[in-house]
Amino acid sequence: MSDVQINVSDMIAAAKAESPSDFQTAFNSIIIDKVAAALEAKRQEVAQNYFNTSAEQSAEDQEENTDENIEANTDVNDGSEENGEASTNVAG
């Protein structure tokens, strides 16, 4: 951002004085400041969303892995009975 504060009134004064280079300098300064502020705000928004999404995604991945492990263990237990290896229950 610029060291010198230029505002819209400077831009209007340059237009009234018919000084195109001063007008352009004031206009460019104002636009640069606005774009830089908007860009910084968007940068922060994207960073915040990225880190929140990463944390949520990580939690979902862990939950899916747990569900897959449970399903895999269930399939293994079910498969042993299909192969004639049924467990025997001893009633007491």
PDB file of N, CA and C in Angstrom:
ATOM      1  N   MET A   1       0.838  -1.170   0.000  1.00  0.00           N
ATOM      2  CA  MET A   1       0.000   0.000   0.000  1.00  0.00           C
ATOM      3  C   MET A   1       0.887   1.238   0.000  1.00  0.00           C
ATOM      4  N   SER A   2       0.311   2.312  -0.439  1.00  0.00           N
ATOM      5  CA  SER A   2       1.119   3.521  -0.592  1.00  0.00           C
ATOM      6  C   SER A   2       1.348   4.204   0.748  1.00  0.00           C
ATOM      7  N   ASP A   3       2.485   4.888   0.842  1.00  0.00           N
ATOM      8  CA  ASP A   3       2.814   5.634   2.056  1.00  0.00           C
ATOM      9  C   ASP A   3       1.988   6.907   2.157  1.00  0.00           C
ATOM     10  N   VAL A   4       1.665   7.504   1.026  1.00  0.00           N
ATOM     11  CA  VAL A   4       0.898   8.746   0.991  1.00  0.00           C
ATOM     12  C   VAL A   4      -0.575   8.391   0.880  1.00  0.00           C
ATOM     13  N   GLN A   5      -1.390   8.978   1.756  1.00  0.00           N
ATOM     14  CA  GLN A   5      -2.825   8.735   1.712  1.00  0.00           C
ATOM     15  C   GLN A   5      -3.449   9.592   0.620  1.00  0.00           C
ATOM     16  N   ILE A   6      -4.010   8.952  -0.359  1.00  0.00           N
ATOM     17  CA  ILE A   6      -4.708   9.651  -1.432  1.00  0.00           C
ATOM     18  C   ILE A   6      -6.154   9.207  -1.349  1.00  0.00           C
ATOM     19  N   ASN A   7      -7.062  10.165  -1.414  1.00  0.00           N
ATOM     20  CA  ASN A   7      -8.469   9.822  -1.329  1.00  0.00           C
ATOM     21  C   ASN A   7      -9.226  10.376  -2.532  1.00  0.00           C
ATOM     22  N   VAL A   8     -10.516  10.159  -2.530  1.00  0.00           N
ATOM     23  CA  VAL A   8     -11.344  10.570  -3.655  1.00  0.00           C
ATOM     24  C   VAL A   8     -11.325  12.090  -3.837  1.00  0.00           C
ATOM     25  N   SER A   9     -11.245  12.829  -2.742  1.00  0.00           N
ATOM     26  CA  SER A   9     -11.226  14.289  -2.888  1.00  0.00           C
ATOM     27  C   SER A   9      -9.971  14.746  -3.644  1.00  0.00           C
ATOM     28  N   ASP A  10      -8.847  14.041  -3.469  1.00  0.00           N
ATOM     29  CA  ASP A  10      -7.639  14.359  -4.245  1.00  0.00           C
ATOM     30  C   ASP A  10      -7.877  14.084  -5.730  1.00  0.00           C
ATOM     31  N   MET A  11      -8.598  13.018  -6.006  1.00  0.00           N
ATOM     32  CA  MET A  11      -8.892  12.665  -7.388  1.00  0.00           C
ATOM     33  C   MET A  11      -9.799  13.723  -8.025  1.00  0.00           C
ATOM     34  N   ILE A  12     -10.784  14.187  -7.279  1.00  0.00           N
ATOM     35  CA  ILE A  12     -11.692  15.226  -7.785  1.00  0.00           C
ATOM     36  C   ILE A  12     -10.942  16.542  -7.988  1.00  0.00           C
ATOM     37  N   ALA A  13     -10.056  16.867  -7.049  1.00  0.00           N
ATOM     38  CA  ALA A  13      -9.272  18.101  -7.174  1.00  0.00           C
ATOM     39  C   ALA A  13      -8.393  18.048  -8.420  1.00  0.00           C
ATOM     40  N   ALA A  14      -7.810  16.894  -8.711  1.00  0.00           N
ATOM     41  CA  ALA A  14      -6.971  16.738  -9.897  1.00  0.00           C
ATOM     42  C   ALA A  14      -7.812  16.876 -11.163  1.00  0.00           C
ATOM     43  N   ALA A  15      -9.036  16.369 -11.131  1.00  0.00           N
ATOM     44  CA  ALA A  15      -9.917  16.493 -12.295  1.00  0.00           C
ATOM     45  C   ALA A  15     -10.295  17.945 -12.526  1.00  0.00           C
ATOM     46  N   LYS A  16     -10.600  18.668 -11.431  1.00  0.00           N
ATOM     47  CA  LYS A  16     -10.962  20.083 -11.553  1.00  0.00           C
ATOM     48  C   LYS A  16      -9.779  20.915 -12.055  1.00  0.00           C
ATOM     49  N   ALA A  17      -8.579  20.535 -11.639  1.00  0.00           N
ATOM     50  CA  ALA A  17      -7.379  21.266 -12.045  1.00  0.00           C
ATOM     51  C   ALA A  17      -6.915  20.850 -13.440  1.00  0.00           C
ATOM     52  N   GLU A  18      -7.665  19.927 -14.039  1.00  0.00           N
ATOM     53  CA  GLU A  18      -7.329  19.420 -15.365  1.00  0.00           C
ATOM     54  C   GLU A  18      -5.902  18.882 -15.408  1.00  0.00           C
ATOM     55  N   SER A  19      -5.601  18.070 -14.413  1.00  0.00           N
ATOM     56  CA  SER A  19      -4.284  17.449 -14.320  1.00  0.00           C
ATOM     57  C   SER A  19      -4.450  15.929 -14.452  1.00  0.00           C
ATOM     58  N   PRO A  20      -4.400  15.433 -15.690  1.00  0.00           N
ATOM     59  CA  PRO A  20      -4.662  14.008 -15.908  1.00  0.00           C
ATOM     60  C   PRO A  20      -3.681  13.074 -15.190  1.00  0.00           C
ATOM     61  N   SER A  21      -2.427  13.464 -15.110  1.00  0.00           N
ATOM     62  CA  SER A  21      -1.456  12.569 -14.453  1.00  0.00           C
ATOM     63  C   SER A  21      -1.726  12.474 -12.950  1.00  0.00           C
ATOM     64  N   ASP A  22      -2.098  13.603 -12.315  1.00  0.00           N
ATOM     65  CA  ASP A  22      -2.438  13.569 -10.890  1.00  0.00           C
ATOM     66  C   ASP A  22      -3.721  12.767 -10.657  1.00  0.00           C
ATOM     67  N   PHE A  23      -4.683  12.940 -11.579  1.00  0.00           N
ATOM     68  CA  PHE A  23      -5.929  12.186 -11.484  1.00  0.00           C
ATOM     69  C   PHE A  23      -5.642  10.692 -11.586  1.00  0.00           C
ATOM     70  N   GLN A  24      -4.829  10.325 -12.551  1.00  0.00           N
ATOM     71  CA  GLN A  24      -4.501   8.916 -12.757  1.00  0.00           C
ATOM     72  C   GLN A  24      -3.751   8.349 -11.550  1.00  0.00           C
ATOM     73  N   THR A  25      -2.830   9.115 -11.013  1.00  0.00           N
ATOM     74  CA  THR A  25      -2.082   8.676  -9.829  1.00  0.00           C
ATOM     75  C   THR A  25      -3.028   8.450  -8.657  1.00  0.00           C
ATOM     76  N   ALA A  26      -3.963   9.383  -8.442  1.00  0.00           N
ATOM     77  CA  ALA A  26      -4.923   9.246  -7.345  1.00  0.00           C
ATOM     78  C   ALA A  26      -5.826   8.040  -7.574  1.00  0.00           C
ATOM     79  N   PHE A  27      -6.320   7.895  -8.786  1.00  0.00           N
ATOM     80  CA  PHE A  27      -7.200   6.778  -9.115  1.00  0.00           C
ATOM     81  C   PHE A  27      -6.480   5.440  -8.909  1.00  0.00           C
ATOM     82  N   ASN A  28      -5.280   5.333  -9.452  1.00  0.00           N
ATOM     83  CA  ASN A  28      -4.513   4.089  -9.319  1.00  0.00           C
ATOM     84  C   ASN A  28      -4.239   3.745  -7.857  1.00  0.00           C
ATOM     85  N   SER A  29      -3.919   4.761  -7.077  1.00  0.00           N
ATOM     86  CA  SER A  29      -3.642   4.534  -5.658  1.00  0.00           C
ATOM     87  C   SER A  29      -4.874   4.000  -4.928  1.00  0.00           C
ATOM     88  N   ILE A  30      -6.021   4.613  -5.223  1.00  0.00           N
ATOM     89  CA  ILE A  30      -7.269   4.178  -4.579  1.00  0.00           C
ATOM     90  C   ILE A  30      -7.604   2.744  -4.987  1.00  0.00           C
ATOM     91  N   ILE A  31      -7.493   2.454  -6.267  1.00  0.00           N
ATOM     92  CA  ILE A  31      -7.816   1.109  -6.757  1.00  0.00           C
ATOM     93  C   ILE A  31      -6.844   0.072  -6.192  1.00  0.00           C
ATOM     94  N   ILE A  32      -5.565   0.388  -6.159  1.00  0.00           N
ATOM     95  CA  ILE A  32      -4.575  -0.537  -5.617  1.00  0.00           C
ATOM     96  C   ILE A  32      -4.888  -0.861  -4.158  1.00  0.00           C
ATOM     97  N   ASP A  33      -5.229   0.154  -3.381  1.00  0.00           N
ATOM     98  CA  ASP A  33      -5.556  -0.071  -1.970  1.00  0.00           C
ATOM     99  C   ASP A  33      -6.802  -0.941  -1.821  1.00  0.00           C
ATOM    100  N   LYS A  34      -7.829  -0.682  -2.629  1.00  0.00           N
ATOM    101  CA  LYS A  34      -9.065  -1.469  -2.545  1.00  0.00           C
ATOM    102  C   LYS A  34      -8.832  -2.912  -2.984  1.00  0.00           C
ATOM    103  N   VAL A  35      -8.106  -3.101  -4.056  1.00  0.00           N
ATOM    104  CA  VAL A  35      -7.829  -4.452  -4.543  1.00  0.00           C
ATOM    105  C   VAL A  35      -6.972  -5.216  -3.534  1.00  0.00           C
ATOM    106  N   ALA A  36      -5.978  -4.560  -2.966  1.00  0.00           N
ATOM    107  CA  ALA A  36      -5.118  -5.212  -1.982  1.00  0.00           C
ATOM    108  C   ALA A  36      -5.918  -5.629  -0.751  1.00  0.00           C
ATOM    109  N   ALA A  37      -6.823  -4.782  -0.297  1.00  0.00           N
ATOM    110  CA  ALA A  37      -7.658  -5.118   0.865  1.00  0.00           C
ATOM    111  C   ALA A  37      -8.586  -6.282   0.543  1.00  0.00           C
ATOM    112  N   ALA A  38      -9.204  -6.263  -0.635  1.00  0.00           N
ATOM    113  CA  ALA A  38     -10.098  -7.347  -1.026  1.00  0.00           C
ATOM    114  C   ALA A  38      -9.334  -8.655  -1.203  1.00  0.00           C
ATOM    115  N   LEU A  39      -8.149  -8.573  -1.779  1.00  0.00           N
ATOM    116  CA  LEU A  39      -7.326  -9.757  -1.978  1.00  0.00           C
ATOM    117  C   LEU A  39      -6.897 -10.370  -0.644  1.00  0.00           C
ATOM    118  N   GLU A  40      -6.522  -9.535   0.296  1.00  0.00           N
ATOM    119  CA  GLU A  40      -6.130 -10.025   1.618  1.00  0.00           C
ATOM    120  C   GLU A  40      -7.305 -10.684   2.331  1.00  0.00           C
ATOM    121  N   ALA A  41      -8.488 -10.093   2.217  1.00  0.00           N
ATOM    122  CA  ALA A  41      -9.685 -10.680   2.834  1.00  0.00           C
ATOM    123  C   ALA A  41      -9.992 -12.037   2.214  1.00  0.00           C
ATOM    124  N   LYS A  42      -9.901 -12.138   0.899  1.00  0.00           N
ATOM    125  CA  LYS A  42     -10.161 -13.410   0.211  1.00  0.00           C
ATOM    126  C   LYS A  42      -9.106 -14.439   0.573  1.00  0.00           C
ATOM    127  N   ARG A  43      -7.862 -14.006   0.677  1.00  0.00           N
ATOM    128  CA  ARG A  43      -6.766 -14.907   1.049  1.00  0.00           C
ATOM    129  C   ARG A  43      -7.028 -15.516   2.426  1.00  0.00           C
ATOM    130  N   GLN A  44      -7.473 -14.698   3.363  1.00  0.00           N
ATOM    131  CA  GLN A  44      -7.773 -15.181   4.709  1.00  0.00           C
ATOM    132  C   GLN A  44      -8.964 -16.132   4.690  1.00  0.00           C
ATOM    133  N   GLU A  45      -9.978 -15.809   3.888  1.00  0.00           N
ATOM    134  CA  GLU A  45     -11.159 -16.668   3.784  1.00  0.00           C
ATOM    135  C   GLU A  45     -10.782 -18.043   3.222  1.00  0.00           C
ATOM    136  N   VAL A  46      -9.987 -18.044   2.165  1.00  0.00           N
ATOM    137  CA  VAL A  46      -9.569 -19.298   1.551  1.00  0.00           C
ATOM    138  C   VAL A  46      -8.726 -20.118   2.531  1.00  0.00           C
ATOM    139  N   ALA A  47      -7.814 -19.462   3.227  1.00  0.00           N
ATOM    140  CA  ALA A  47      -6.977 -20.180   4.196  1.00  0.00           C
ATOM    141  C   ALA A  47      -7.829 -20.780   5.306  1.00  0.00           C
ATOM    142  N   GLN A  48      -8.780 -20.023   5.799  1.00  0.00           N
ATOM    143  CA  GLN A  48      -9.658 -20.522   6.867  1.00  0.00           C
ATOM    144  C   GLN A  48     -10.467 -21.720   6.369  1.00  0.00           C
ATOM    145  N   ASN A  49     -11.039 -21.611   5.175  1.00  0.00           N
ATOM    146  CA  ASN A  49     -11.816 -22.716   4.620  1.00  0.00           C
ATOM    147  C   ASN A  49     -10.947 -23.926   4.337  1.00  0.00           C
ATOM    148  N   TYR A  50      -9.732 -23.710   3.880  1.00  0.00           N
ATOM    149  CA  TYR A  50      -8.830 -24.810   3.574  1.00  0.00           C
ATOM    150  C   TYR A  50      -8.508 -25.608   4.832  1.00  0.00           C
ATOM    151  N   PHE A  51      -8.155 -24.911   5.896  1.00  0.00           N
ATOM    152  CA  PHE A  51      -7.792 -25.608   7.121  1.00  0.00           C
ATOM    153  C   PHE A  51      -8.999 -26.261   7.770  1.00  0.00           C
ATOM    154  N   ASN A  52     -10.170 -25.638   7.723  1.00  0.00           N
ATOM    155  CA  ASN A  52     -11.376 -26.259   8.264  1.00  0.00           C
ATOM    156  C   ASN A  52     -11.760 -27.483   7.451  1.00  0.00           C
ATOM    157  N   THR A  53     -11.677 -27.388   6.136  1.00  0.00           N
ATOM    158  CA  THR A  53     -12.003 -28.504   5.267  1.00  0.00           C
ATOM    159  C   THR A  53     -11.018 -29.645   5.487  1.00  0.00           C
ATOM    160  N   SER A  54      -9.753 -29.331   5.649  1.00  0.00           N
ATOM    161  CA  SER A  54      -8.746 -30.366   5.883  1.00  0.00           C
ATOM    162  C   SER A  54      -9.017 -31.102   7.186  1.00  0.00           C
ATOM    163  N   ALA A  55      -9.371 -30.374   8.227  1.00  0.00           N
ATOM    164  CA  ALA A  55      -9.658 -30.998   9.520  1.00  0.00           C
ATOM    165  C   ALA A  55     -10.915 -31.852   9.425  1.00  0.00           C
ATOM    166  N   GLU A  56     -11.951 -31.349   8.760  1.00  0.00           N
ATOM    167  CA  GLU A  56     -13.183 -32.116   8.598  1.00  0.00           C
ATOM    168  C   GLU A  56     -12.934 -33.350   7.744  1.00  0.00           C
ATOM    169  N   GLN A  57     -12.169 -33.186   6.676  1.00  0.00           N
ATOM    170  CA  GLN A  57     -11.868 -34.299   5.783  1.00  0.00           C
ATOM    171  C   GLN A  57     -11.078 -35.363   6.518  1.00  0.00           C
ATOM    172  N   SER A  58     -10.132 -34.958   7.334  1.00  0.00           N
ATOM    173  CA  SER A  58      -9.329 -35.898   8.103  1.00  0.00           C
ATOM    174  C   SER A  58     -10.205 -36.694   9.055  1.00  0.00           C
ATOM    175  N   ALA A  59     -11.143 -36.028   9.716  1.00  0.00           N
ATOM    176  CA  ALA A  59     -12.053 -36.715  10.637  1.00  0.00           C
ATOM    177  C   ALA A  59     -12.939 -37.690   9.873  1.00  0.00           C
ATOM    178  N   GLU A  60     -13.420 -37.278   8.698  1.00  0.00           N
ATOM    179  CA  GLU A  60     -14.248 -38.169   7.884  1.00  0.00           C
ATOM    180  C   GLU A  60     -13.444 -39.365   7.409  1.00  0.00           C
ATOM    181  N   ASP A  61     -12.197 -39.165   7.003  1.00  0.00           N
ATOM    182  CA  ASP A  61     -11.340 -40.260   6.561  1.00  0.00           C
ATOM    183  C   ASP A  61     -11.127 -41.263   7.689  1.00  0.00           C
ATOM    184  N   GLN A  62     -10.889 -40.763   8.889  1.00  0.00           N
ATOM    185  CA  GLN A  62     -10.688 -41.646  10.025  1.00  0.00           C
ATOM    186  C   GLN A  62     -11.954 -42.445  10.310  1.00  0.00           C
ATOM    187  N   GLU A  63     -13.113 -41.795  10.199  1.00  0.00           N
ATOM    188  CA  GLU A  63     -14.378 -42.480  10.442  1.00  0.00           C
ATOM    189  C   GLU A  63     -14.608 -43.553   9.373  1.00  0.00           C
ATOM    190  N   GLU A  64     -14.314 -43.225   8.106  1.00  0.00           N
ATOM    191  CA  GLU A  64     -14.467 -44.206   7.033  1.00  0.00           C
ATOM    192  C   GLU A  64     -13.535 -45.395   7.249  1.00  0.00           C
ATOM    193  N   ASN A  65     -12.297 -45.123   7.660  1.00  0.00           N
ATOM    194  CA  ASN A  65     -11.354 -46.209   7.904  1.00  0.00           C
ATOM    195  C   ASN A  65     -11.854 -47.109   9.019  1.00  0.00           C
ATOM    196  N   THR A  66     -12.424 -46.538  10.049  1.00  0.00           N
ATOM    197  CA  THR A  66     -12.954 -47.325  11.156  1.00  0.00           C
ATOM    198  C   THR A  66     -14.122 -48.174  10.662  1.00  0.00           C
ATOM    199  N   ASP A  67     -15.013 -47.584   9.887  1.00  0.00           N
ATOM    200  CA  ASP A  67     -16.150 -48.331   9.338  1.00  0.00           C
ATOM    201  C   ASP A  67     -15.667 -49.451   8.429  1.00  0.00           C
ATOM    202  N   GLU A  68     -14.655 -49.191   7.602  1.00  0.00           N
ATOM    203  CA  GLU A  68     -14.120 -50.210   6.704  1.00  0.00           C
ATOM    204  C   GLU A  68     -13.479 -51.335   7.498  1.00  0.00           C
ATOM    205  N   ASN A  69     -12.781 -50.998   8.572  1.00  0.00           N
ATOM    206  CA  ASN A  69     -12.161 -52.036   9.408  1.00  0.00           C
ATOM    207  C   ASN A  69     -13.225 -52.903  10.055  1.00  0.00           C
ATOM    208  N   ILE A  70     -14.304 -52.303  10.513  1.00  0.00           N
ATOM    209  CA  ILE A  70     -15.384 -53.066  11.132  1.00  0.00           C
ATOM    210  C   ILE A  70     -16.015 -53.990  10.095  1.00  0.00           C
ATOM    211  N   GLU A  71     -16.261 -53.466   8.886  1.00  0.00           N
ATOM    212  CA  GLU A  71     -16.842 -54.288   7.826  1.00  0.00           C
ATOM    213  C   GLU A  71     -15.886 -55.407   7.430  1.00  0.00           C
ATOM    214  N   ALA A  72     -14.601 -55.135   7.354  1.00  0.00           N
ATOM    215  CA  ALA A  72     -13.622 -56.150   6.996  1.00  0.00           C
ATOM    216  C   ALA A  72     -13.589 -57.249   8.049  1.00  0.00           C
ATOM    217  N   ASN A  73     -13.625 -56.872   9.309  1.00  0.00           N
ATOM    218  CA  ASN A  73     -13.623 -57.871  10.381  1.00  0.00           C
ATOM    219  C   ASN A  73     -14.907 -58.688  10.359  1.00  0.00           C
ATOM    220  N   THR A  74     -16.015 -58.075  10.053  1.00  0.00           N
ATOM    221  CA  THR A  74     -17.284 -58.790   9.968  1.00  0.00           C
ATOM    222  C   THR A  74     -17.244 -59.773   8.814  1.00  0.00           C
ATOM    223  N   ASP A  75     -16.687 -59.343   7.671  1.00  0.00           N
ATOM    224  CA  ASP A  75     -16.579 -60.231   6.518  1.00  0.00           C
ATOM    225  C   ASP A  75     -15.694 -61.426   6.828  1.00  0.00           C
ATOM    226  N   VAL A  76     -14.614 -61.221   7.541  1.00  0.00           N
ATOM    227  CA  VAL A  76     -13.712 -62.316   7.901  1.00  0.00           C
ATOM    228  C   VAL A  76     -14.433 -63.305   8.796  1.00  0.00           C
ATOM    229  N   ASN A  77     -15.178 -62.816   9.772  1.00  0.00           N
ATOM    230  CA  ASN A  77     -15.919 -63.699  10.665  1.00  0.00           C
ATOM    231  C   ASN A  77     -17.004 -64.456   9.914  1.00  0.00           C
ATOM    232  N   ASP A  78     -17.689 -63.789   9.010  1.00  0.00           N
ATOM    233  CA  ASP A  78     -18.732 -64.446   8.230  1.00  0.00           C
ATOM    234  C   ASP A  78     -18.128 -65.481   7.286  1.00  0.00           C
ATOM    235  N   GLY A  79     -16.988 -65.197   6.732  1.00  0.00           N
ATOM    236  CA  GLY A  79     -16.339 -66.097   5.789  1.00  0.00           C
ATOM    237  C   GLY A  79     -15.907 -67.409   6.424  1.00  0.00           C
ATOM    238  N   SER A  80     -15.524 -67.399   7.660  1.00  0.00           N
ATOM    239  CA  SER A  80     -15.058 -68.618   8.307  1.00  0.00           C
ATOM    240  C   SER A  80     -16.198 -69.603   8.470  1.00  0.00           C
ATOM    241  N   GLU A  81     -17.404 -69.127   8.689  1.00  0.00           N
ATOM    242  CA  GLU A  81     -18.547 -70.022   8.841  1.00  0.00           C
ATOM    243  C   GLU A  81     -18.947 -70.612   7.500  1.00  0.00           C
ATOM    244  N   GLU A  82     -18.729 -69.871   6.405  1.00  0.00           N
ATOM    245  CA  GLU A  82     -19.082 -70.356   5.084  1.00  0.00           C
ATOM    246  C   GLU A  82     -18.150 -71.469   4.640  1.00  0.00           C
ATOM    247  N   ASN A  83     -16.939 -71.505   5.156  1.00  0.00           N
ATOM    248  CA  ASN A  83     -15.955 -72.498   4.755  1.00  0.00           C
ATOM    249  C   ASN A  83     -16.050 -73.765   5.588  1.00  0.00           C
ATOM    250  N   GLY A  84     -17.103 -73.940   6.330  1.00  0.00           N
ATOM    251  CA  GLY A  84     -17.238 -75.141   7.132  1.00  0.00           C
ATOM    252  C   GLY A  84     -16.492 -75.038   8.433  1.00  0.00           C
ATOM    253  N   GLU A  85     -16.073 -73.874   8.796  1.00  0.00           N
ATOM    254  CA  GLU A  85     -15.325 -73.681  10.020  1.00  0.00           C
ATOM    255  C   GLU A  85     -16.186 -72.993  11.058  1.00  0.00           C
ATOM    256  N   ALA A  86     -17.414 -73.387  11.146  1.00  0.00           N
ATOM    257  CA  ALA A  86     -18.338 -72.745  12.048  1.00  0.00           C
ATOM    258  C   ALA A  86     -17.868 -72.928  13.495  1.00  0.00           C
ATOM    259  N   SER A  87     -18.057 -71.940  14.265  1.00  0.00           N
ATOM    260  CA  SER A  87     -17.651 -72.050  15.670  1.00  0.00           C
ATOM    261  C   SER A  87     -18.647 -72.906  16.403  1.00  0.00           C
ATOM    262  N   THR A  88     -18.166 -73.570  17.380  1.00  0.00           N
ATOM    263  CA  THR A  88     -19.046 -74.427  18.171  1.00  0.00           C
ATOM    264  C   THR A  88     -19.315 -73.749  19.492  1.00  0.00           C
ATOM    265  N   ASN A  89     -20.557 -73.751  19.877  1.00  0.00           N
ATOM    266  CA  ASN A  89     -20.947 -73.191  21.160  1.00  0.00           C
ATOM    267  C   ASN A  89     -21.129 -74.345  22.125  1.00  0.00           C
ATOM    268  N   VAL A  90     -20.500 -74.227  23.239  1.00  0.00           N
ATOM    269  CA  VAL A  90     -20.623 -75.263  24.267  1.00  0.00           C
ATOM    270  C   VAL A  90     -21.587 -74.724  25.308  1.00  0.00           C
ATOM    271  N   ALA A  91     -22.690 -75.393  25.440  1.00  0.00           N
ATOM    272  CA  ALA A  91     -23.684 -74.955  26.416  1.00  0.00           C
ATOM    273  C   ALA A  91     -23.368 -75.606  27.737  1.00  0.00           C
ATOM    274  N   GLY A  92     -23.437 -74.853  28.752  1.00  0.00           N
ATOM    275  CA  GLY A  92     -23.026 -75.380  30.034  1.00  0.00           C
ATOM    276  C   GLY A  92     -24.088 -75.713  30.932  1.00  0.00           C
TER     277      GLY A  92
END
